[in-house]
Amino acid sequence: MGCFRSREERVHWINLEQDVQSKIIKACAARKKRAKAAQNRKPRTTDTSPQLGFLDDSFNPKNQ
């Protein structure tokens, strides 16, 4: 997922004051929490139809 800092934040990180860096770190924690919540809200779909393997004998076009 990454560090959750924006490109702008990463580029200027070394030049930022300590208090600004601390605010960004707190914002990153909130971003991570939101991303995780969004991921948990997304319905997980399961494929109910089995996928045949390349060498699976159950499907052979020559037998049709």
C-alpha atoms as a PDB file:
ATOM      1  CA  MET A   1       0.000   0.000   0.000  1.00  0.00           C
ATOM      2  CA  GLY A   2       2.859   2.370   0.521  1.00  0.00           C
ATOM      3  CA  CYS A   3       3.535   5.105   3.038  1.00  0.00           C
ATOM      4  CA  PHE A   4       0.376   7.120   2.210  1.00  0.00           C
ATOM      5  CA  ARG A   5       2.327  10.330   1.670  1.00  0.00           C
ATOM      6  CA  SER A   6       1.526  12.270  -1.470  1.00  0.00           C
ATOM      7  CA  ARG A   7       4.147  12.765  -4.135  1.00  0.00           C
ATOM      8  CA  GLU A   8       4.470  16.396  -3.082  1.00  0.00           C
ATOM      9  CA  GLU A   9       4.990  15.377   0.544  1.00  0.00           C
ATOM     10  CA  ARG A  10       7.672  12.856  -0.412  1.00  0.00           C
ATOM     11  CA  VAL A  11       9.519  15.291  -2.675  1.00  0.00           C
ATOM     12  CA  HIS A  12       9.719  18.035  -0.052  1.00  0.00           C
ATOM     13  CA  TRP A  13      10.021  15.805   3.024  1.00  0.00           C
ATOM     14  CA  ILE A  14      13.670  16.587   3.760  1.00  0.00           C
ATOM     15  CA  ASN A  15      12.996  20.350   3.693  1.00  0.00           C
ATOM     16  CA  LEU A  16       9.914  20.315   5.930  1.00  0.00           C
ATOM     17  CA  GLU A  17       9.911  21.415   9.552  1.00  0.00           C
ATOM     18  CA  GLN A  18       9.564  18.695  12.179  1.00  0.00           C
ATOM     19  CA  ASP A  19       6.077  19.852  13.193  1.00  0.00           C
ATOM     20  CA  VAL A  20       4.900  19.706   9.570  1.00  0.00           C
ATOM     21  CA  GLN A  21       6.374  16.219   9.204  1.00  0.00           C
ATOM     22  CA  SER A  22       4.496  15.163  12.347  1.00  0.00           C
ATOM     23  CA  LYS A  23       1.221  16.488  10.907  1.00  0.00           C
ATOM     24  CA  ILE A  24       1.843  14.591   7.681  1.00  0.00           C
ATOM     25  CA  ILE A  25       2.534  11.390   9.611  1.00  0.00           C
ATOM     26  CA  LYS A  26      -0.765  11.802  11.475  1.00  0.00           C
ATOM     27  CA  ALA A  27      -2.528  12.463   8.171  1.00  0.00           C
ATOM     28  CA  CYS A  28      -0.939   9.308   6.744  1.00  0.00           C
ATOM     29  CA  ALA A  29      -2.348   7.261   9.619  1.00  0.00           C
ATOM     30  CA  ALA A  30      -5.820   8.640   8.851  1.00  0.00           C
ATOM     31  CA  ARG A  31      -5.363   7.921   5.126  1.00  0.00           C
ATOM     32  CA  LYS A  32      -4.322   4.361   5.900  1.00  0.00           C
ATOM     33  CA  LYS A  33      -7.343   3.888   8.158  1.00  0.00           C
ATOM     34  CA  ARG A  34      -9.694   5.209   5.437  1.00  0.00           C
ATOM     35  CA  ALA A  35      -8.088   3.002   2.790  1.00  0.00           C
ATOM     36  CA  LYS A  36      -8.434  -0.066   4.988  1.00  0.00           C
ATOM     37  CA  ALA A  37     -12.084   0.769   5.750  1.00  0.00           C
ATOM     38  CA  ALA A  38     -12.802   1.229   2.036  1.00  0.00           C
ATOM     39  CA  GLN A  39     -11.155  -2.096   1.273  1.00  0.00           C
ATOM     40  CA  ASN A  40     -13.262  -3.814   3.931  1.00  0.00           C
ATOM     41  CA  ARG A  41     -16.468  -2.275   2.510  1.00  0.00           C
ATOM     42  CA  LYS A  42     -15.741  -3.610  -0.959  1.00  0.00           C
ATOM     43  CA  PRO A  43     -17.709  -6.828  -1.451  1.00  0.00           C
ATOM     44  CA  ARG A  44     -15.542  -9.837  -1.986  1.00  0.00           C
ATOM     45  CA  THR A  45     -16.702 -11.800  -4.967  1.00  0.00           C
ATOM     46  CA  THR A  46     -16.067 -15.468  -5.286  1.00  0.00           C
ATOM     47  CA  ASP A  47     -16.075 -17.194  -8.603  1.00  0.00           C
ATOM     48  CA  THR A  48     -18.584 -20.020  -8.393  1.00  0.00           C
ATOM     49  CA  SER A  49     -17.729 -21.493 -11.761  1.00  0.00           C
ATOM     50  CA  PRO A  50     -14.616 -23.633 -11.724  1.00  0.00           C
ATOM     51  CA  GLN A  51     -11.857 -22.620 -14.066  1.00  0.00           C
ATOM     52  CA  LEU A  52     -10.564 -25.400 -16.216  1.00  0.00           C
ATOM     53  CA  GLY A  53      -6.863 -25.955 -16.372  1.00  0.00           C
ATOM     54  CA  PHE A  54      -4.968 -25.912 -19.627  1.00  0.00           C
ATOM     55  CA  LEU A  55      -4.449 -29.649 -19.540  1.00  0.00           C
ATOM     56  CA  ASP A  56      -7.753 -30.501 -17.843  1.00  0.00           C
ATOM     57  CA  ASP A  57      -9.400 -33.582 -19.394  1.00  0.00           C
ATOM     58  CA  SER A  58     -12.919 -32.378 -18.573  1.00  0.00           C
ATOM     59  CA  PHE A  59     -12.798 -30.036 -21.570  1.00  0.00           C
ATOM     60  CA  ASN A  60     -11.433 -31.407 -24.765  1.00  0.00           C
ATOM     61  CA  PRO A  61     -12.597 -29.787 -28.031  1.00  0.00           C
ATOM     62  CA  LYS A  62     -11.722 -32.989 -29.920  1.00  0.00           C
ATOM     63  CA  ASN A  63     -14.430 -34.869 -27.988  1.00  0.00           C
ATOM     64  CA  GLN A  64     -17.217 -32.551 -29.120  1.00  0.00           C
END
